[in-house]
Protein backbone atom coordinates (compact mmCIF):
# COMPACT_ATOMS: atom_id res chain seq x y z
CA MET A 1 24.48 -229.65 -90.34
CA ASN A 2 27.09 -231.01 -87.91
CA ARG A 3 26.52 -234.33 -86.22
CA PRO A 4 25.61 -234.16 -82.50
CA GLY A 5 29.04 -235.26 -81.30
CA ALA A 6 31.06 -233.06 -83.61
CA ASN A 7 31.07 -230.07 -81.25
CA LEU A 8 31.49 -231.96 -77.99
CA PRO A 9 34.40 -230.83 -75.84
CA VAL A 10 37.68 -232.70 -76.01
CA SER A 11 38.87 -234.15 -72.72
CA ASP A 12 41.65 -232.14 -71.13
CA GLY A 13 42.52 -234.73 -68.50
CA THR A 14 39.74 -233.85 -66.04
CA PHE A 15 36.62 -235.97 -65.58
CA SER A 16 33.16 -234.56 -65.01
CA PRO A 17 29.82 -236.40 -65.01
CA LEU A 18 28.33 -233.31 -66.63
CA ALA A 19 30.57 -233.85 -69.65
CA LEU A 20 29.37 -237.45 -70.00
CA ALA A 21 25.69 -236.61 -70.42
CA PRO A 22 25.91 -234.93 -73.86
CA LEU A 23 28.09 -237.79 -75.08
CA ILE A 24 25.48 -240.36 -74.02
CA GLN A 25 22.70 -238.35 -75.64
CA ALA A 26 24.66 -238.11 -78.88
CA ILE A 27 25.36 -241.86 -78.81
CA HIS A 28 21.64 -242.54 -78.52
CA ALA A 29 21.34 -240.41 -81.67
CA HIS A 30 23.75 -242.88 -83.35
CA ASP A 31 26.68 -240.44 -83.53
CA PRO A 32 29.98 -242.34 -84.11
CA VAL A 33 32.05 -239.29 -83.14
CA ALA A 34 30.45 -239.20 -79.70
CA LEU A 35 30.98 -242.94 -79.29
CA ALA A 36 34.66 -242.63 -80.18
CA ARG A 37 35.13 -239.79 -77.71
CA LEU A 38 33.36 -241.67 -74.92
CA ARG A 39 35.58 -244.69 -75.49
CA HIS A 40 38.56 -242.32 -75.44
CA ALA A 41 37.41 -240.70 -72.18
CA LEU A 42 37.04 -244.09 -70.48
CA ARG A 43 40.20 -245.64 -71.86
CA THR A 44 42.40 -242.73 -70.76
CA PRO A 45 42.21 -243.50 -67.00
CA LEU A 46 42.37 -247.22 -67.81
CA ASN A 47 45.59 -246.59 -69.70
CA GLN A 48 46.98 -244.95 -66.56
CA ILE A 49 45.79 -247.79 -64.31
CA ILE A 50 47.31 -250.49 -66.48
CA GLY A 51 50.46 -248.53 -67.34
CA TYR A 52 51.39 -247.60 -63.79
CA SER A 53 50.56 -251.11 -62.50
CA GLU A 54 52.90 -252.59 -65.13
CA MET A 55 55.74 -250.27 -64.10
CA LEU A 56 55.08 -251.01 -60.44
CA LEU A 57 55.08 -254.76 -61.15
CA GLU A 58 58.52 -254.43 -62.69
CA SER A 59 59.79 -252.38 -59.74
CA ALA A 60 58.31 -254.81 -57.21
CA ALA A 61 59.98 -257.72 -59.01
CA GLU A 62 63.33 -255.94 -59.02
CA LEU A 63 62.99 -255.11 -55.29
CA ASN A 64 61.59 -258.55 -54.45
CA LEU A 65 58.48 -257.03 -52.79
CA ARG A 66 56.33 -260.15 -53.14
CA ALA A 67 53.21 -258.96 -51.28
CA LEU A 68 53.12 -255.71 -53.26
CA HIS A 69 53.71 -257.66 -56.46
CA THR A 70 50.70 -259.91 -55.76
CA ASP A 71 48.35 -256.96 -55.11
CA LEU A 72 49.57 -255.15 -58.21
CA LYS A 73 48.75 -258.21 -60.30
CA CYS A 74 45.18 -257.94 -59.07
CA ILE A 75 45.07 -254.28 -60.17
CA HIS A 76 46.53 -255.11 -63.58
CA THR A 77 44.08 -257.98 -64.13
CA ALA A 78 41.10 -255.84 -63.09
CA GLY A 79 42.27 -253.06 -65.42
CA GLY A 80 42.35 -255.51 -68.32
CA GLN A 81 38.82 -256.66 -67.43
CA LEU A 82 37.61 -253.04 -67.54
CA VAL A 83 39.14 -252.53 -70.98
CA SER A 84 37.41 -255.67 -72.28
CA LEU A 85 34.08 -254.57 -70.80
CA ILE A 86 34.25 -251.15 -72.45
CA GLN A 87 35.37 -252.61 -75.77
CA GLU A 88 32.45 -255.04 -75.78
CA ALA A 89 29.73 -252.76 -74.36
CA LEU A 90 30.60 -249.76 -76.54
CA ALA A 91 31.30 -251.60 -79.79
CA PRO A 92 30.25 -249.52 -82.85
CA TRP A 93 27.90 -252.25 -84.09
CA LYS A 94 25.95 -252.06 -80.84
CA MET A 95 25.32 -248.36 -81.34
CA GLU A 96 24.12 -248.99 -84.89
CA THR A 97 21.66 -251.61 -83.65
CA GLY A 98 20.63 -249.64 -80.55
CA GLN A 99 22.00 -252.27 -78.14
CA ILE A 100 24.29 -250.12 -76.01
CA ASP A 101 23.19 -250.55 -72.40
CA PHE A 102 24.90 -248.01 -70.16
CA ALA A 103 23.16 -249.31 -67.06
CA GLN A 104 24.49 -252.82 -67.61
CA LEU A 105 27.96 -251.45 -68.35
CA ARG A 106 27.95 -249.60 -65.05
CA ARG A 107 26.91 -252.75 -63.18
CA ASP A 108 29.61 -254.82 -64.92
CA MET A 109 32.31 -252.24 -64.21
CA ARG A 110 31.69 -252.02 -60.46
CA THR A 111 33.48 -255.15 -59.36
CA PRO A 112 36.75 -254.73 -61.30
CA LEU A 113 36.76 -250.97 -60.64
CA ASN A 114 36.28 -251.49 -56.91
CA THR A 115 39.04 -254.10 -57.03
CA VAL A 116 41.40 -251.55 -58.56
CA ILE A 117 40.52 -248.91 -55.93
CA GLY A 118 40.78 -251.28 -53.00
CA TYR A 119 44.07 -252.86 -54.03
CA ALA A 120 45.53 -249.46 -54.96
CA GLU A 121 44.87 -248.33 -51.38
CA LEU A 122 46.50 -251.51 -50.05
CA CYS A 123 49.51 -251.10 -52.34
CA SER A 124 49.91 -247.48 -51.33
CA ASP A 125 50.10 -248.51 -47.66
CA GLU A 126 52.50 -251.38 -48.45
CA ALA A 127 54.77 -249.09 -50.45
CA GLN A 128 54.85 -246.60 -47.58
CA THR A 129 55.85 -249.38 -45.22
CA ALA A 130 58.62 -250.53 -47.55
CA PRO A 131 59.42 -247.53 -47.73
CA PHE A 132 59.81 -246.45 -51.38
CA SER A 133 58.44 -242.99 -52.04
CA GLU A 134 58.29 -243.39 -55.83
CA LEU A 135 56.24 -246.58 -55.51
CA THR A 136 53.85 -244.80 -53.17
CA MET A 137 53.39 -241.94 -55.62
CA ASP A 138 52.64 -244.34 -58.46
CA CYS A 139 50.09 -246.20 -56.35
CA GLN A 140 48.42 -242.87 -55.62
CA LYS A 141 48.28 -242.13 -59.35
CA ILE A 142 46.49 -245.44 -59.96
CA LEU A 143 44.08 -244.62 -57.18
CA ARG A 144 43.46 -241.14 -58.61
CA ALA A 145 42.73 -242.50 -62.10
CA ALA A 146 40.42 -245.22 -60.73
CA ARG A 147 38.47 -242.79 -58.54
CA ASN A 148 38.08 -240.38 -61.45
CA LEU A 149 36.61 -243.18 -63.53
CA TYR A 150 34.40 -244.32 -60.65
CA THR A 151 33.04 -240.80 -60.10
CA LEU A 152 32.50 -240.25 -63.79
CA PHE A 153 30.48 -243.39 -64.37
CA GLU A 154 28.63 -243.61 -61.09
CA SER A 155 27.41 -239.98 -61.02
CA ALA A 156 26.20 -239.54 -64.59
CA ASP A 157 22.52 -239.06 -65.41
CA TYR A 158 21.66 -242.18 -67.40
CA PRO A 159 18.53 -242.72 -69.46
CA GLN A 160 17.55 -245.69 -67.32
CA GLN A 161 16.85 -245.47 -63.58
CA MET A 162 19.57 -247.08 -61.52
CA ALA A 163 19.68 -248.10 -57.92
CA ALA A 164 22.18 -246.43 -55.64
CA SER A 165 25.66 -247.78 -56.17
CA PRO A 166 27.34 -249.60 -53.33
CA PRO A 167 30.51 -248.05 -51.95
CA PRO A 168 33.88 -249.57 -52.79
CA PRO A 169 34.57 -252.75 -50.83
CA ASP A 170 36.57 -252.56 -47.64
CA ARG A 171 40.01 -254.04 -47.35
CA ASP A 172 38.92 -257.13 -45.41
CA SER A 173 36.70 -258.24 -48.26
CA LEU A 174 39.52 -257.70 -50.70
CA GLU A 175 41.88 -259.70 -48.52
CA SER A 176 39.47 -262.63 -48.18
CA ASN A 177 37.74 -262.72 -51.57
CA HIS A 178 40.16 -261.44 -54.17
CA ARG A 179 43.79 -261.69 -53.06
CA PRO A 180 45.44 -264.69 -54.75
CA PRO A 181 47.53 -267.01 -52.59
CA THR A 182 50.86 -265.52 -51.63
CA LEU A 183 53.86 -267.27 -53.14
CA GLY A 184 56.90 -268.22 -51.13
CA LEU A 185 60.01 -266.07 -50.97
CA ALA A 186 62.40 -268.73 -52.27
CA ALA A 187 63.23 -266.96 -55.54
CA PRO A 188 63.42 -263.25 -56.46
CA LEU A 189 60.77 -261.88 -58.79
CA HIS A 190 62.14 -261.04 -62.22
CA GLU A 191 59.32 -261.61 -64.65
CA ALA A 192 59.20 -260.64 -68.32
CA PRO A 193 56.49 -261.17 -70.92
CA ASP A 194 56.85 -264.21 -73.14
CA GLY A 195 59.00 -263.64 -76.18
CA VAL A 196 60.66 -260.49 -74.84
CA THR A 197 64.39 -260.37 -75.39
CA ASN A 198 66.96 -258.16 -73.77
CA ARG A 199 68.24 -256.91 -77.12
CA PRO A 200 69.28 -253.28 -76.58
CA LEU A 201 67.11 -250.68 -78.28
CA PRO A 202 68.68 -248.25 -80.72
CA ALA A 203 69.73 -244.99 -79.11
CA ALA A 204 67.15 -242.35 -80.01
CA ARG A 205 65.67 -239.04 -78.92
CA LEU A 206 61.88 -239.14 -78.67
CA LEU A 207 59.14 -236.54 -78.16
CA ALA A 208 56.04 -237.65 -76.22
CA VAL A 209 52.98 -235.45 -76.88
CA ASP A 210 49.90 -235.80 -74.66
CA ASP A 211 47.71 -233.26 -72.88
CA ASP A 212 47.21 -235.57 -69.86
CA GLU A 213 49.94 -235.19 -67.23
CA LEU A 214 49.69 -238.77 -65.93
CA ASN A 215 49.82 -240.17 -69.46
CA ARG A 216 52.99 -238.21 -70.17
CA ASP A 217 54.61 -239.16 -66.89
CA MET A 218 53.88 -242.85 -67.40
CA LEU A 219 55.00 -242.88 -71.02
CA VAL A 220 58.20 -240.90 -70.43
CA ARG A 221 59.25 -243.13 -67.57
CA ARG A 222 58.49 -246.26 -69.57
CA LEU A 223 60.54 -245.04 -72.54
CA GLU A 224 63.43 -243.80 -70.40
CA LYS A 225 63.58 -247.18 -68.70
CA ASN A 226 64.02 -248.71 -72.14
CA GLY A 227 67.03 -246.49 -72.76
CA TYR A 228 65.51 -243.68 -74.80
CA GLN A 229 66.12 -239.99 -74.31
CA VAL A 230 62.62 -238.52 -74.00
CA GLU A 231 61.20 -235.02 -73.89
CA GLU A 232 57.52 -234.19 -73.48
CA ALA A 233 55.01 -231.67 -74.82
CA ALA A 234 51.56 -230.95 -73.41
CA SER A 235 49.98 -229.71 -76.66
CA GLY A 236 50.28 -229.89 -80.42
CA GLN A 237 51.61 -226.34 -80.64
CA ALA A 238 54.25 -227.03 -77.98
CA ALA A 239 55.28 -230.14 -79.91
CA LEU A 240 55.74 -228.18 -83.15
CA THR A 241 57.87 -225.60 -81.32
CA LYS A 242 60.11 -228.30 -79.85
CA LEU A 243 60.42 -230.05 -83.21
CA GLN A 244 61.57 -226.82 -84.86
CA ASP A 245 64.20 -226.25 -82.17
CA GLY A 246 65.40 -229.82 -81.60
CA ASN A 247 66.62 -232.91 -83.40
CA TYR A 248 64.22 -235.78 -82.70
CA ASP A 249 64.18 -239.32 -84.07
CA LEU A 250 60.51 -240.12 -83.43
CA VAL A 251 57.29 -238.55 -82.13
CA LEU A 252 54.63 -240.28 -80.02
CA LEU A 253 51.44 -238.29 -80.56
CA ASP A 254 48.04 -238.32 -78.86
CA ILE A 255 44.97 -237.38 -80.94
CA LEU A 256 42.32 -235.77 -78.76
CA MET A 257 43.94 -232.66 -77.32
CA PRO A 258 42.53 -229.15 -76.77
CA GLY A 259 43.63 -226.55 -79.29
CA LEU A 260 45.73 -228.17 -82.01
CA ASP A 261 44.69 -231.84 -81.97
CA GLY A 262 46.78 -234.81 -83.04
CA PHE A 263 45.37 -234.93 -86.57
CA GLN A 264 46.27 -231.29 -87.22
CA THR A 265 49.69 -231.63 -85.58
CA LEU A 266 50.49 -234.68 -87.72
CA GLU A 267 49.45 -232.86 -90.90
CA LEU A 268 51.63 -229.85 -90.03
CA ILE A 269 54.63 -232.10 -89.29
CA LYS A 270 54.30 -233.91 -92.61
CA ALA A 271 53.77 -230.63 -94.51
CA ASP A 272 57.08 -229.21 -93.24
CA PRO A 273 60.04 -230.33 -95.40
CA ARG A 274 62.34 -230.06 -92.38
CA LEU A 275 60.16 -232.35 -90.21
CA ARG A 276 58.38 -234.71 -92.59
CA HIS A 277 61.13 -237.35 -92.33
CA ILE A 278 60.51 -237.80 -88.56
CA PRO A 279 58.37 -240.92 -87.96
CA VAL A 280 55.20 -240.34 -85.94
CA ILE A 281 53.47 -243.07 -83.93
CA MET A 282 49.92 -242.21 -82.87
CA LEU A 283 49.49 -243.35 -79.27
CA THR A 284 45.89 -242.69 -78.29
CA ALA A 285 42.80 -244.01 -76.55
CA LEU A 286 40.83 -243.08 -79.68
CA ASP A 287 40.64 -246.53 -81.27
CA ASP A 288 38.08 -246.32 -84.08
CA VAL A 289 39.01 -247.52 -87.56
CA GLU A 290 38.29 -244.14 -89.18
CA SER A 291 40.85 -242.41 -86.96
CA THR A 292 43.43 -245.10 -87.65
CA VAL A 293 42.99 -244.81 -91.42
CA ARG A 294 43.07 -241.00 -91.27
CA CYS A 295 46.37 -241.03 -89.38
CA ILE A 296 48.05 -243.56 -91.65
CA GLU A 297 46.91 -241.68 -94.76
CA ALA A 298 48.29 -238.44 -93.26
CA GLY A 299 51.71 -240.02 -92.91
CA ALA A 300 51.78 -241.64 -89.45
CA GLU A 301 54.28 -244.47 -89.17
CA ASP A 302 52.05 -246.55 -86.88
CA PHE A 303 48.98 -246.44 -84.65
CA VAL A 304 49.03 -247.89 -81.12
CA PRO A 305 45.81 -247.79 -79.05
CA LYS A 306 45.77 -247.15 -75.31
CA PRO A 307 46.05 -248.91 -72.98
CA PHE A 308 49.16 -250.03 -74.83
CA ASN A 309 51.06 -253.24 -74.38
CA PRO A 310 54.66 -252.29 -73.46
CA THR A 311 56.06 -255.17 -75.48
CA ILE A 312 54.11 -254.18 -78.59
CA LEU A 313 55.05 -250.51 -78.15
CA ARG A 314 58.70 -251.49 -77.77
CA ALA A 315 58.57 -253.61 -80.94
CA ARG A 316 56.90 -250.89 -82.98
CA LEU A 317 59.30 -248.24 -81.73
CA THR A 318 62.24 -250.43 -82.67
CA ALA A 319 60.81 -251.14 -86.12
CA SER A 320 60.05 -247.47 -86.78
CA LEU A 321 63.48 -246.32 -85.65
CA GLU A 322 65.22 -248.98 -87.70
CA LYS A 323 63.24 -247.90 -90.77
CA LYS A 324 64.20 -244.29 -90.06
CA LYS A 325 67.83 -245.32 -89.75
CA LEU A 326 67.65 -247.02 -93.14
CA ARG A 327 65.94 -243.96 -94.66
CA ASP A 328 68.59 -241.69 -93.13
CA GLN A 329 71.36 -243.90 -94.55
CA GLU A 330 69.68 -243.88 -97.94
CA GLN A 331 69.36 -240.09 -97.81
CA ALA A 332 73.01 -239.77 -96.75
CA HIS A 333 74.09 -241.97 -99.66
CA LEU A 334 71.91 -239.97 -102.03
CA THR A 335 73.38 -236.71 -100.75
CA GLN A 336 76.89 -238.12 -101.12
CA LEU A 337 76.06 -239.25 -104.66
CA GLN A 338 74.68 -235.81 -105.50
CA ASN A 339 77.79 -234.15 -104.06
CA GLU A 340 80.06 -236.44 -106.07
CA ARG A 341 78.01 -235.75 -109.18
CA ALA A 342 78.20 -232.01 -108.59
CA LYS A 343 81.96 -232.31 -108.04
CA SER A 344 82.31 -234.24 -111.31
CA GLU A 345 80.26 -231.64 -113.13
CA ARG A 346 82.41 -228.84 -111.71
CA LEU A 347 85.54 -230.62 -112.86
CA LEU A 348 83.98 -231.19 -116.28
CA LEU A 349 83.04 -227.52 -116.55
CA ASN A 350 86.61 -226.57 -115.70
CA VAL A 351 87.70 -228.43 -118.83
CA LEU A 352 84.78 -227.93 -121.21
CA PRO A 353 82.21 -225.22 -121.94
CA LYS A 354 78.88 -225.84 -120.24
CA ALA A 355 77.00 -226.29 -123.52
CA ILE A 356 79.54 -228.88 -124.68
CA ALA A 357 79.51 -230.69 -121.32
CA GLU A 358 75.71 -230.99 -121.49
CA ARG A 359 75.97 -232.56 -124.94
CA LEU A 360 78.55 -235.06 -123.70
CA LYS A 361 76.34 -236.00 -120.74
CA ALA A 362 73.43 -236.45 -123.16
CA GLY A 363 75.42 -239.17 -124.94
CA GLN A 364 77.13 -237.40 -127.85
CA ARG A 365 80.62 -238.69 -128.51
CA THR A 366 81.69 -236.71 -131.58
CA ILE A 367 81.23 -232.97 -131.23
CA VAL A 368 82.42 -230.70 -134.04
CA ASP A 369 80.81 -227.33 -134.90
CA SER A 370 81.50 -224.50 -137.33
CA PHE A 371 81.09 -220.87 -136.27
CA ILE A 372 81.04 -218.07 -138.82
CA ASP A 373 81.40 -215.14 -136.42
CA SER A 374 83.85 -215.30 -133.54
CA THR A 375 86.82 -213.42 -132.09
CA VAL A 376 89.92 -215.20 -130.83
CA LEU A 377 92.33 -213.64 -128.32
CA PHE A 378 95.88 -214.66 -127.44
CA ALA A 379 97.86 -213.18 -124.54
CA ASP A 380 101.52 -213.98 -123.93
CA ILE A 381 103.96 -212.92 -121.20
CA VAL A 382 106.88 -211.01 -122.69
CA ASP A 383 110.35 -212.56 -122.20
CA PHE A 384 109.03 -215.25 -119.89
CA THR A 385 112.10 -217.45 -120.36
CA ARG A 386 114.33 -214.75 -118.86
CA ILE A 387 111.85 -214.16 -116.01
CA SER A 388 111.64 -217.84 -115.08
CA ALA A 389 115.43 -218.20 -115.06
CA LYS A 390 115.74 -215.62 -112.25
CA GLN A 391 113.61 -217.48 -109.69
CA SER A 392 112.72 -220.95 -108.50
CA PRO A 393 110.33 -223.12 -110.51
CA GLN A 394 107.87 -223.13 -107.57
CA ARG A 395 107.82 -219.33 -107.45
CA THR A 396 107.46 -219.09 -111.23
CA VAL A 397 104.48 -221.46 -111.32
CA GLN A 398 102.89 -219.69 -108.34
CA LEU A 399 103.08 -216.28 -110.06
CA LEU A 400 101.94 -217.67 -113.39
CA ASN A 401 98.95 -219.32 -111.74
CA GLU A 402 98.04 -216.06 -110.02
CA ILE A 403 98.08 -213.95 -113.20
CA PHE A 404 96.22 -216.56 -115.25
CA SER A 405 93.62 -216.95 -112.47
CA SER A 406 92.90 -213.22 -112.77
CA PHE A 407 92.43 -213.75 -116.54
CA ASP A 408 90.01 -216.62 -115.74
CA ARG A 409 87.91 -214.30 -113.58
CA ILE A 410 87.77 -211.73 -116.40
CA ALA A 411 86.63 -214.40 -118.88
CA GLU A 412 83.97 -215.66 -116.47
CA ARG A 413 82.68 -212.15 -115.75
CA LEU A 414 82.37 -211.27 -119.45
CA GLU A 415 81.00 -214.73 -120.35
CA LEU A 416 83.90 -215.61 -122.64
CA GLU A 417 85.25 -219.11 -123.14
CA LYS A 418 88.78 -219.89 -122.03
CA ILE A 419 90.22 -222.45 -124.43
CA LYS A 420 93.58 -223.28 -122.91
CA THR A 421 96.96 -222.13 -121.67
CA ILE A 422 100.12 -223.09 -123.54
CA GLY A 423 103.12 -222.46 -121.34
CA ASP A 424 103.01 -218.71 -120.72
CA ALA A 425 100.33 -218.10 -123.39
CA TYR A 426 96.60 -217.70 -122.65
CA MET A 427 93.87 -218.27 -125.28
CA LEU A 428 90.16 -217.39 -125.15
CA VAL A 429 87.32 -216.95 -127.64
CA SER A 430 84.09 -214.99 -127.87
CA GLY A 431 81.03 -216.24 -129.78
CA VAL A 432 81.93 -219.91 -129.28
CA PRO A 433 80.21 -222.20 -128.40
CA VAL A 434 77.40 -219.74 -127.59
CA LEU A 435 76.74 -217.27 -130.39
CA ARG A 436 76.77 -213.56 -129.59
CA ALA A 437 76.65 -210.48 -131.87
CA ASP A 438 79.08 -208.41 -129.78
CA HIS A 439 81.87 -211.01 -129.81
CA ALA A 440 84.54 -208.52 -130.98
CA GLU A 441 83.65 -205.73 -128.55
CA VAL A 442 83.43 -207.96 -125.49
CA CYS A 443 86.76 -209.54 -126.44
CA ALA A 444 88.28 -206.05 -126.64
CA GLN A 445 86.93 -205.27 -123.16
CA ALA A 446 88.60 -208.44 -121.89
CA ALA A 447 91.89 -207.40 -123.44
CA PHE A 448 91.91 -204.04 -121.64
CA ALA A 449 90.90 -205.78 -118.38
CA MET A 450 93.90 -208.12 -118.78
CA LEU A 451 96.29 -205.20 -119.18
CA GLU A 452 94.87 -203.65 -116.01
CA ALA A 453 95.18 -206.99 -114.15
CA VAL A 454 98.89 -207.15 -115.04
CA LEU A 455 99.45 -203.61 -113.70
CA GLN A 456 97.83 -204.56 -110.38
CA PHE A 457 99.84 -207.78 -110.30
CA ASN A 458 103.11 -205.87 -110.76
CA GLN A 459 102.22 -203.38 -108.03
CA GLN A 460 101.38 -206.17 -105.59
CA HIS A 461 104.56 -208.15 -106.21
CA GLN A 462 106.88 -205.29 -107.25
CA LEU A 463 107.54 -206.87 -110.65
CA ASP A 464 107.73 -205.54 -114.19
CA TRP A 465 105.91 -208.24 -116.13
CA SER A 466 104.34 -207.31 -119.45
CA ILE A 467 102.02 -209.05 -121.91
CA ARG A 468 101.31 -208.88 -125.61
CA ILE A 469 97.73 -209.37 -126.78
CA GLY A 470 96.56 -210.26 -130.29
CA MET A 471 93.00 -210.52 -131.63
CA ASN A 472 91.40 -211.64 -134.86
CA SER A 473 87.81 -212.29 -135.93
CA GLY A 474 86.24 -214.73 -138.39
CA PRO A 475 85.08 -218.32 -138.84
CA VAL A 476 86.43 -221.20 -136.74
CA VAL A 477 85.88 -224.90 -136.30
CA ALA A 478 85.49 -226.05 -132.69
CA GLY A 479 85.24 -229.52 -131.24
CA ILE A 480 86.27 -232.16 -128.72
CA ILE A 481 89.59 -233.96 -128.92
CA GLY A 482 90.33 -237.05 -126.86
CA THR A 483 88.31 -239.94 -125.38
CA LYS A 484 89.60 -240.00 -121.80
CA LYS A 485 91.22 -236.61 -121.31
CA PHE A 486 88.88 -234.26 -123.13
CA SER A 487 90.03 -231.02 -124.69
CA TYR A 488 87.89 -228.39 -126.42
CA ASP A 489 89.90 -226.64 -129.12
CA LEU A 490 89.64 -224.31 -132.14
CA TRP A 491 91.02 -224.60 -135.69
CA GLY A 492 91.22 -222.43 -138.77
CA ASP A 493 92.95 -219.40 -140.26
CA THR A 494 91.20 -217.11 -137.80
CA VAL A 495 93.06 -218.84 -134.95
CA ASN A 496 96.40 -218.77 -136.74
CA ILE A 497 96.12 -215.06 -137.57
CA ALA A 498 95.10 -214.21 -133.97
CA SER A 499 98.24 -215.99 -132.79
CA ARG A 500 100.36 -213.95 -135.27
CA MET A 501 98.71 -210.74 -134.05
CA GLU A 502 100.03 -211.56 -130.58
CA SER A 503 103.49 -212.85 -131.50
CA HIS A 504 104.21 -209.81 -133.74
CA GLY A 505 102.71 -207.34 -131.31
CA GLN A 506 104.27 -204.90 -128.86
CA PRO A 507 104.60 -205.28 -125.05
CA GLY A 508 101.65 -203.79 -123.17
CA GLN A 509 99.67 -203.34 -126.42
CA ILE A 510 96.67 -204.96 -128.11
CA GLN A 511 97.22 -205.71 -131.80
CA ILE A 512 94.16 -206.52 -133.91
CA SER A 513 93.42 -207.36 -137.52
CA ALA A 514 91.45 -205.22 -139.98
CA VAL A 515 88.56 -207.71 -139.74
CA THR A 516 88.27 -207.16 -135.99
CA ARG A 517 88.61 -203.38 -136.39
CA LYS A 518 85.53 -203.27 -138.64
CA LEU A 519 83.44 -204.99 -135.93
CA LEU A 520 84.29 -202.51 -133.16
CA SER A 521 82.17 -199.51 -132.30
CA ALA A 522 83.26 -195.88 -132.05
CA GLN A 523 84.20 -196.23 -128.38
CA PHE A 524 87.45 -197.83 -129.52
CA VAL A 525 90.27 -196.01 -131.36
CA CYS A 526 92.49 -198.05 -133.68
CA ASP A 527 95.95 -196.76 -134.71
CA PRO A 528 97.36 -198.25 -137.94
CA VAL A 529 100.59 -200.23 -137.54
CA GLY A 530 101.24 -201.51 -141.02
CA VAL A 531 100.91 -204.64 -143.10
CA LEU A 532 101.87 -208.01 -141.64
CA GLU A 533 103.12 -210.73 -143.97
CA ILE A 534 101.79 -214.10 -142.94
CA LYS A 535 102.93 -217.39 -144.47
CA ASN A 536 100.29 -219.10 -146.62
CA SER A 537 97.99 -216.08 -146.26
CA ALA A 538 97.47 -212.70 -147.86
CA PRO A 539 99.13 -209.69 -146.16
CA ILE A 540 97.04 -208.33 -143.25
CA THR A 541 96.68 -204.73 -142.17
CA THR A 542 97.10 -204.45 -138.39
CA TYR A 543 96.11 -201.89 -135.78
CA LEU A 544 96.85 -201.07 -132.15
CA LEU A 545 93.65 -200.94 -130.15
CA ARG A 546 93.03 -197.97 -127.81
CA ARG A 547 90.02 -196.67 -125.94
CA SER A 548 88.53 -193.42 -127.22
CA ALA A 549 88.67 -190.28 -125.09
CA THR A 550 84.89 -190.23 -124.71
CA ALA A 551 84.86 -193.83 -123.48
CA ALA A 552 87.51 -193.06 -120.88
């Protein structure tokens, strides 16, 4: 079963005595939710009274309006008294012990509340006389908030019978009984709270989220005066939409809002990987410990109760933004480090096979492996010395790079391992360092693709280049050479014979050994060439590799 206050309506900025009655009844049933919401409902107009009076005090000091400044001090002091009264009278321990006395609270609130109303009327008239239209509007906002609070508390149906409330005092009584002595006009008014420095705040873009229009207006103006760029949102959903579309440095978030409340909005912000890095300060009249803990656990950067002290808010904003700046710098450094690492890995993979690079990164220093089944391919440009003599070195290197780059793409597509280039010769292997059963066939496919790449190259540049290709299959030894400039290379008779297949081959043809021929399927046709005598090796029968008619 829900507690009595769990389903009570959330304040939307309007004040109705009818809405206060169920809260009071729930509080008498010892419901902490109802108590928290009542404190929130009362502190919201007090936040407006104190906030606007503080901004008006600053403006009056800047404009040297001493009479207005004196009256505003009375409003600010009375607002502070009201906050203290509510804090004391509606303390959670008093509800638990049944000591909350709403009748006494109403009696205690009358004098400071009437002071606020009376002086707000006086200030409004003084500002009109000045004349400064913005000051007048702010005085009217104080008066509106105070009258809302007066109506709310004076018209509610309390459990105890109360005598009729006296009307707000007239201006003469305020003038004679409450106005402090007027100071002389010798020096301009430029007051600042103790300990406040003029250190500039970090430039930042903030989002202020509150369903109450006066709260937003007061907060935005306060923040803009401190040098921030501020945008506002009237609901949690509107805030999420703005956060998705904009780039904000910090969010100031109210809790009790209709629809998506502050708790839910905070949770959604922190659940979104794109938004979770944005610090959120909860700025709310809901001041119970449970709400504070819930917000901090959900990821809020800080929790500032209303009415807020401008100096404290300024300090906490500065601290939060500086922490965000440090986090952003750390993230930027991490991203840079990751980019540099990825760049290093790309460079390493350009030199070494991926499997070998991983072993080096794991700490291996000596890498030598034997492979029983592999196929080695050599490709060489025919008569390259003559070709290079007919054109500039720059042009020769440019064309050589282009044709070898096309060979690189073929090797990458067929998952073969390029070993190296030696002048105008290109060497690759299949089945090393990753074993594969079709090493001979896939190497043959690469050979035909290379011949086709040369034809396209000649057509594009109107040249007549030609290559010889040789292939041989068998065991090899593979490993790393070098300690600073790494090189992955192959050794063994299989490599030597593959090189001889190429060097003794024919332009535009693929010459293979008998060993490789036995590994190829029927899709390839092999024409006998003869027997090749190789130094320090037995004679080898060789073949020219062609595609079969059915494969074509």
